């Protein structure tokens, strides 16, 4: 009787380990992709800002609206920043902060 309970417990523990491992790998994959998406939107907003500031396009209403839309999208993605920071090492932040303090 006890052997059957131990065997059942072992099987359940193995299944739970497998499920947890798969779930964590999916979460890390999602985190990395959200980080990449945020970087792409940020680069797009910066590029659009540079085009908008060109003398030829300065004041163009369509580009202005597109720039506002890109910045709004960037702000929405910033709300999800905690999710995609799961895969980024914290050491990068502290090193960037210390570099900024040394320059000042």
Protein backbone atom coordinates (compact mmCIF):
# COMPACT_ATOMS: atom_id res chain seq x y z
CA UNK A 1 0.00 0.00 0.00
CA UNK A 2 2.73 2.47 0.95
CA UNK A 3 4.71 1.56 -2.19
CA UNK A 4 1.72 2.49 -4.35
CA UNK A 5 1.36 5.85 -2.59
CA UNK A 6 5.09 6.55 -2.99
CA UNK A 7 4.97 5.61 -6.69
CA UNK A 8 1.93 7.86 -7.22
CA UNK A 9 3.66 10.69 -5.37
CA UNK A 10 6.77 10.26 -7.50
CA UNK A 11 4.74 10.35 -10.72
CA UNK A 12 2.85 13.46 -9.59
CA UNK A 13 6.11 15.20 -8.61
CA UNK A 14 7.68 14.40 -11.98
CA UNK A 15 4.62 15.75 -13.82
CA UNK A 16 4.61 18.91 -11.70
CA UNK A 17 8.33 19.45 -12.35
CA UNK A 18 7.79 19.02 -16.10
CA UNK A 19 4.80 21.40 -16.10
CA UNK A 20 6.67 24.04 -14.08
CA UNK A 21 9.71 23.83 -16.33
CA UNK A 22 7.60 24.22 -19.49
CA UNK A 23 5.64 27.11 -18.01
CA UNK A 24 8.81 28.94 -16.99
CA UNK A 25 10.39 28.45 -20.40
CA UNK A 26 7.25 29.87 -22.04
CA UNK A 27 7.30 32.83 -19.66
CA UNK A 28 10.96 33.56 -20.44
CA UNK A 29 10.25 33.32 -24.18
CA UNK A 30 7.38 35.79 -23.81
CA UNK A 31 9.50 38.07 -21.68
CA UNK A 32 12.29 38.19 -24.26
CA UNK A 33 9.85 38.89 -27.09
CA UNK A 34 8.12 41.69 -25.19
CA UNK A 35 11.50 43.25 -24.51
CA UNK A 36 12.32 43.12 -28.22
CA UNK A 37 8.94 44.61 -29.07
CA UNK A 38 9.51 47.49 -26.67
CA UNK A 39 12.92 48.19 -28.20
CA UNK A 40 11.45 48.17 -31.72
CA UNK A 41 8.69 50.61 -30.77
CA UNK A 42 11.20 52.84 -28.99
CA UNK A 43 13.49 52.87 -32.05
CA UNK A 44 10.51 53.61 -34.31
CA UNK A 45 9.39 56.51 -32.10
CA UNK A 46 12.92 57.94 -32.06
CA UNK A 47 13.23 57.61 -35.84
CA UNK A 48 9.85 59.23 -36.36
CA UNK A 49 10.84 62.06 -34.04
CA UNK A 50 14.00 62.61 -36.09
CA UNK A 51 12.02 62.71 -39.34
CA UNK A 52 9.43 65.03 -37.83
CA UNK A 53 12.16 67.46 -36.76
CA UNK A 54 13.56 67.71 -40.27
CA UNK A 55 12.97 71.13 -41.77
CA UNK A 56 11.08 69.62 -44.70
CA UNK A 57 8.52 67.84 -42.48
CA UNK A 58 8.41 70.08 -39.39
CA UNK A 59 4.83 70.86 -38.44
CA UNK A 60 3.27 68.18 -40.68
CA UNK A 61 0.02 67.22 -38.98
CA UNK A 62 0.06 63.62 -40.20
CA UNK A 63 3.55 63.00 -38.88
CA UNK A 64 2.64 64.78 -35.65
CA UNK A 65 -0.33 62.47 -35.12
CA UNK A 66 1.79 59.44 -35.98
CA UNK A 67 4.42 60.58 -33.48
CA UNK A 68 1.77 60.96 -30.75
CA UNK A 69 0.44 57.49 -31.55
CA UNK A 70 3.93 55.96 -31.37
CA UNK A 71 4.60 57.65 -28.03
CA UNK A 72 1.24 56.45 -26.68
CA UNK A 73 2.08 52.89 -27.71
CA UNK A 74 5.48 53.24 -26.06
CA UNK A 75 3.82 54.35 -22.80
CA UNK A 76 1.48 51.35 -22.86
CA UNK A 77 4.43 49.01 -23.32
CA UNK A 78 6.22 50.70 -20.42
CA UNK A 79 3.35 49.57 -18.18
CA UNK A 80 4.32 45.98 -18.98
CA UNK A 81 8.00 46.63 -18.32
CA UNK A 82 8.04 44.48 -15.17
CA UNK A 83 7.14 41.44 -17.25
CA UNK A 84 9.89 41.70 -19.80
CA UNK A 85 12.51 42.74 -17.27
CA UNK A 86 12.49 39.15 -16.00
CA UNK A 87 15.24 38.19 -18.42
CA UNK A 88 17.37 41.34 -18.20
CA UNK A 89 20.10 41.25 -15.57
CA UNK A 90 19.83 43.85 -12.84
CA UNK A 91 23.60 44.40 -13.01
CA UNK A 92 23.20 46.34 -16.28
CA UNK A 93 21.01 48.94 -14.58
CA UNK A 94 23.39 49.44 -11.69
CA UNK A 95 26.40 49.66 -14.00
CA UNK A 96 24.63 52.25 -16.20
CA UNK A 97 23.73 54.26 -13.11
CA UNK A 98 27.32 54.17 -11.83
CA UNK A 99 28.61 55.20 -15.29
CA UNK A 100 26.23 58.16 -15.23
CA UNK A 101 27.45 59.19 -11.77
CA UNK A 102 31.10 59.00 -12.85
CA UNK A 103 30.44 61.28 -15.83
CA UNK A 104 28.72 63.89 -13.67
